[in-house]
Amino acid sequence: MMNPGFNPSREAMLQQVNQASFAAVEANLYLDTHPCDTQAMAYFNQMTEAYENARKAYEAQFGPLTASASRESAYWSWVEDPWPWEGGNV
């Protein structure tokens, strides 16, 4: 039985965010011990950009992934949408 809040597009976009984030963090950790590796630096920059692009695309369609990304000034709307790990109604 499929989760009624399941949206393949939403799930795929969130997976892209998570994969790019993971790759950027791993490259960061590698660079901590190999700071002169120019290929690793290029990869880190590429994954950081991929993460930012994926995050922005997700947030534009489904709302903020973190409370700090919520830019509402008149009302704290962060609590109204389902949290990314809850699936949500789409």
N, C-alpha and C. Protein backbone atom coordinates (compact mmCIF):
# COMPACT_ATOMS: atom_id res chain seq x y z
N MET A 1 0.84 -1.17 0.00
CA MET A 1 0.00 0.00 0.00
C MET A 1 0.89 1.24 0.00
N MET A 2 0.56 2.19 -0.85
CA MET A 2 1.37 3.40 -0.98
C MET A 2 0.92 4.45 0.04
N ASN A 3 1.86 5.15 0.59
CA ASN A 3 1.59 6.25 1.52
C ASN A 3 0.78 7.31 0.78
N PRO A 4 -0.39 7.74 1.32
CA PRO A 4 -1.21 8.73 0.61
C PRO A 4 -0.51 10.07 0.42
N GLY A 5 0.48 10.38 1.24
CA GLY A 5 1.22 11.64 1.10
C GLY A 5 2.43 11.51 0.20
N PHE A 6 2.66 10.31 -0.34
CA PHE A 6 3.83 10.05 -1.16
C PHE A 6 3.70 10.75 -2.50
N ASN A 7 4.74 11.47 -2.87
CA ASN A 7 4.81 12.15 -4.16
C ASN A 7 6.16 11.79 -4.75
N PRO A 8 6.16 11.00 -5.85
CA PRO A 8 7.46 10.58 -6.41
C PRO A 8 8.37 11.76 -6.76
N SER A 9 7.79 12.83 -7.25
CA SER A 9 8.60 13.99 -7.59
C SER A 9 9.23 14.58 -6.34
N ARG A 10 8.45 14.70 -5.29
CA ARG A 10 8.95 15.25 -4.03
C ARG A 10 10.04 14.35 -3.47
N GLU A 11 9.78 13.04 -3.47
CA GLU A 11 10.75 12.09 -2.96
C GLU A 11 12.04 12.12 -3.78
N ALA A 12 11.91 12.20 -5.08
CA ALA A 12 13.10 12.23 -5.95
C ALA A 12 13.90 13.51 -5.72
N MET A 13 13.20 14.62 -5.57
CA MET A 13 13.90 15.89 -5.33
C MET A 13 14.60 15.88 -3.98
N LEU A 14 13.95 15.33 -2.97
CA LEU A 14 14.57 15.26 -1.65
C LEU A 14 15.78 14.32 -1.69
N GLN A 15 15.69 13.25 -2.46
CA GLN A 15 16.83 12.35 -2.60
C GLN A 15 18.01 13.06 -3.26
N GLN A 16 17.74 13.91 -4.25
CA GLN A 16 18.82 14.67 -4.88
C GLN A 16 19.48 15.60 -3.88
N VAL A 17 18.68 16.25 -3.03
CA VAL A 17 19.22 17.13 -1.99
C VAL A 17 20.13 16.31 -1.06
N ASN A 18 19.62 15.18 -0.61
CA ASN A 18 20.38 14.35 0.33
C ASN A 18 21.66 13.81 -0.27
N GLN A 19 21.60 13.36 -1.52
CA GLN A 19 22.79 12.81 -2.16
C GLN A 19 23.87 13.87 -2.36
N ALA A 20 23.47 15.04 -2.82
CA ALA A 20 24.45 16.11 -3.04
C ALA A 20 25.02 16.58 -1.71
N SER A 21 24.19 16.66 -0.68
CA SER A 21 24.65 17.06 0.64
C SER A 21 25.67 16.06 1.17
N PHE A 22 25.35 14.78 1.06
CA PHE A 22 26.26 13.73 1.53
C PHE A 22 27.60 13.82 0.80
N ALA A 23 27.56 13.98 -0.52
CA ALA A 23 28.79 14.05 -1.31
C ALA A 23 29.63 15.26 -0.90
N ALA A 24 28.99 16.39 -0.66
CA ALA A 24 29.72 17.59 -0.26
C ALA A 24 30.36 17.41 1.11
N VAL A 25 29.64 16.80 2.03
CA VAL A 25 30.19 16.57 3.38
C VAL A 25 31.37 15.59 3.31
N GLU A 26 31.22 14.54 2.53
CA GLU A 26 32.32 13.57 2.40
C GLU A 26 33.55 14.21 1.77
N ALA A 27 33.35 15.03 0.74
CA ALA A 27 34.48 15.72 0.12
C ALA A 27 35.12 16.68 1.11
N ASN A 28 34.31 17.33 1.92
CA ASN A 28 34.81 18.23 2.96
C ASN A 28 35.71 17.47 3.93
N LEU A 29 35.25 16.32 4.37
CA LEU A 29 36.04 15.51 5.30
C LEU A 29 37.36 15.07 4.67
N TYR A 30 37.31 14.67 3.42
CA TYR A 30 38.53 14.28 2.71
C TYR A 30 39.50 15.45 2.63
N LEU A 31 38.97 16.63 2.30
CA LEU A 31 39.83 17.81 2.17
C LEU A 31 40.45 18.22 3.50
N ASP A 32 39.83 17.84 4.61
CA ASP A 32 40.43 18.13 5.92
C ASP A 32 41.80 17.46 6.06
N THR A 33 41.98 16.31 5.40
CA THR A 33 43.25 15.61 5.50
C THR A 33 44.08 15.67 4.22
N HIS A 34 43.49 16.19 3.14
CA HIS A 34 44.18 16.31 1.86
C HIS A 34 43.91 17.70 1.26
N PRO A 35 44.33 18.75 1.94
CA PRO A 35 43.95 20.11 1.53
C PRO A 35 44.53 20.57 0.19
N CYS A 36 45.53 19.89 -0.32
CA CYS A 36 46.14 20.32 -1.58
C CYS A 36 45.63 19.54 -2.79
N ASP A 37 44.66 18.68 -2.60
CA ASP A 37 44.12 17.86 -3.69
C ASP A 37 43.17 18.71 -4.52
N THR A 38 43.66 19.18 -5.66
CA THR A 38 42.86 20.10 -6.49
C THR A 38 41.65 19.42 -7.11
N GLN A 39 41.75 18.12 -7.41
CA GLN A 39 40.59 17.40 -7.95
C GLN A 39 39.50 17.28 -6.89
N ALA A 40 39.89 17.02 -5.67
CA ALA A 40 38.92 16.93 -4.58
C ALA A 40 38.27 18.29 -4.33
N MET A 41 39.05 19.34 -4.44
CA MET A 41 38.49 20.69 -4.25
C MET A 41 37.47 20.99 -5.34
N ALA A 42 37.80 20.63 -6.58
CA ALA A 42 36.86 20.84 -7.68
C ALA A 42 35.59 20.02 -7.46
N TYR A 43 35.74 18.78 -7.00
CA TYR A 43 34.59 17.93 -6.71
C TYR A 43 33.74 18.52 -5.58
N PHE A 44 34.40 18.99 -4.53
CA PHE A 44 33.69 19.63 -3.43
C PHE A 44 32.87 20.82 -3.92
N ASN A 45 33.49 21.66 -4.73
CA ASN A 45 32.77 22.82 -5.27
C ASN A 45 31.60 22.40 -6.14
N GLN A 46 31.79 21.37 -6.94
CA GLN A 46 30.72 20.86 -7.80
C GLN A 46 29.56 20.31 -6.96
N MET A 47 29.87 19.56 -5.92
CA MET A 47 28.82 18.98 -5.08
C MET A 47 28.13 20.03 -4.22
N THR A 48 28.88 21.04 -3.80
CA THR A 48 28.27 22.13 -3.04
C THR A 48 27.28 22.89 -3.93
N GLU A 49 27.66 23.12 -5.16
CA GLU A 49 26.76 23.79 -6.11
C GLU A 49 25.54 22.91 -6.41
N ALA A 50 25.77 21.62 -6.59
CA ALA A 50 24.66 20.69 -6.84
C ALA A 50 23.70 20.67 -5.66
N TYR A 51 24.24 20.70 -4.44
CA TYR A 51 23.39 20.74 -3.24
C TYR A 51 22.56 22.01 -3.21
N GLU A 52 23.20 23.14 -3.42
CA GLU A 52 22.48 24.42 -3.39
C GLU A 52 21.38 24.45 -4.45
N ASN A 53 21.67 23.97 -5.64
CA ASN A 53 20.67 23.96 -6.71
C ASN A 53 19.52 23.02 -6.37
N ALA A 54 19.83 21.84 -5.85
CA ALA A 54 18.79 20.88 -5.49
C ALA A 54 17.95 21.40 -4.33
N ARG A 55 18.60 22.01 -3.35
CA ARG A 55 17.87 22.56 -2.20
C ARG A 55 16.94 23.68 -2.63
N LYS A 56 17.44 24.58 -3.44
CA LYS A 56 16.61 25.71 -3.90
C LYS A 56 15.43 25.22 -4.73
N ALA A 57 15.66 24.24 -5.59
CA ALA A 57 14.57 23.69 -6.41
C ALA A 57 13.51 23.03 -5.53
N TYR A 58 13.96 22.27 -4.54
CA TYR A 58 13.03 21.61 -3.62
C TYR A 58 12.22 22.64 -2.84
N GLU A 59 12.91 23.62 -2.28
CA GLU A 59 12.24 24.62 -1.45
C GLU A 59 11.29 25.49 -2.27
N ALA A 60 11.61 25.74 -3.52
CA ALA A 60 10.72 26.53 -4.38
C ALA A 60 9.40 25.80 -4.61
N GLN A 61 9.46 24.48 -4.65
CA GLN A 61 8.26 23.71 -4.94
C GLN A 61 7.53 23.23 -3.69
N PHE A 62 8.28 22.90 -2.63
CA PHE A 62 7.67 22.26 -1.47
C PHE A 62 7.85 23.00 -0.16
N GLY A 63 8.56 24.10 -0.15
CA GLY A 63 8.77 24.85 1.08
C GLY A 63 10.12 24.56 1.71
N PRO A 64 10.45 25.27 2.77
CA PRO A 64 11.78 25.18 3.37
C PRO A 64 12.08 23.81 3.97
N LEU A 65 13.34 23.41 3.85
CA LEU A 65 13.81 22.16 4.45
C LEU A 65 14.22 22.36 5.90
N THR A 66 14.58 23.57 6.25
CA THR A 66 14.98 23.88 7.62
C THR A 66 14.26 25.14 8.09
N ALA A 67 14.16 25.29 9.38
CA ALA A 67 13.49 26.47 9.92
C ALA A 67 14.23 27.75 9.52
N SER A 68 15.55 27.69 9.42
CA SER A 68 16.31 28.89 9.06
C SER A 68 16.06 29.31 7.63
N ALA A 69 15.54 28.41 6.80
CA ALA A 69 15.24 28.75 5.40
C ALA A 69 13.87 29.41 5.26
N SER A 70 13.09 29.40 6.33
CA SER A 70 11.77 30.03 6.30
C SER A 70 11.94 31.54 6.37
N ARG A 71 11.41 32.23 5.40
CA ARG A 71 11.61 33.68 5.31
C ARG A 71 10.33 34.47 5.60
N GLU A 72 9.37 33.83 6.21
CA GLU A 72 8.13 34.55 6.55
C GLU A 72 8.44 35.56 7.64
N SER A 73 7.94 36.76 7.48
CA SER A 73 8.21 37.78 8.49
C SER A 73 7.00 38.07 9.36
N ALA A 74 5.81 37.82 8.84
CA ALA A 74 4.61 38.16 9.60
C ALA A 74 4.07 36.96 10.39
N TYR A 75 4.41 35.76 9.96
CA TYR A 75 3.84 34.57 10.58
C TYR A 75 4.83 33.43 10.49
N TRP A 76 4.99 32.66 11.54
CA TRP A 76 5.92 31.55 11.57
C TRP A 76 5.24 30.34 10.93
N SER A 77 5.35 30.25 9.61
CA SER A 77 4.65 29.21 8.86
C SER A 77 5.41 27.88 8.80
N TRP A 78 6.61 27.86 9.30
CA TRP A 78 7.45 26.65 9.25
C TRP A 78 6.72 25.43 9.81
N VAL A 79 5.91 25.62 10.84
CA VAL A 79 5.27 24.49 11.50
C VAL A 79 4.03 23.98 10.77
N GLU A 80 3.55 24.69 9.76
CA GLU A 80 2.33 24.30 9.09
C GLU A 80 2.51 23.20 8.05
N ASP A 81 3.59 23.23 7.31
CA ASP A 81 3.83 22.21 6.29
C ASP A 81 4.34 20.94 6.94
N PRO A 82 4.09 19.80 6.30
CA PRO A 82 4.70 18.56 6.82
C PRO A 82 6.22 18.69 6.75
N TRP A 83 6.89 18.10 7.70
CA TRP A 83 8.33 18.12 7.72
C TRP A 83 8.83 17.20 6.63
N PRO A 84 10.00 17.46 6.07
CA PRO A 84 10.47 16.67 4.92
C PRO A 84 10.44 15.16 5.17
N TRP A 85 10.74 14.71 6.36
CA TRP A 85 10.78 13.28 6.65
C TRP A 85 9.40 12.71 6.92
N GLU A 86 8.36 13.55 6.99
CA GLU A 86 7.00 13.07 7.23
C GLU A 86 6.25 12.76 5.94
N GLY A 87 6.84 13.04 4.81
CA GLY A 87 6.15 12.78 3.54
C GLY A 87 5.32 13.96 3.12
N GLY A 88 4.23 14.19 3.79
CA GLY A 88 3.43 15.37 3.54
C GLY A 88 2.33 15.19 2.54
N ASN A 89 1.47 16.16 2.50
CA ASN A 89 0.35 16.19 1.56
C ASN A 89 0.73 17.06 0.40
N VAL A 90 0.76 16.51 -0.75
CA VAL A 90 1.17 17.27 -1.92
C VAL A 90 0.11 17.15 -2.99
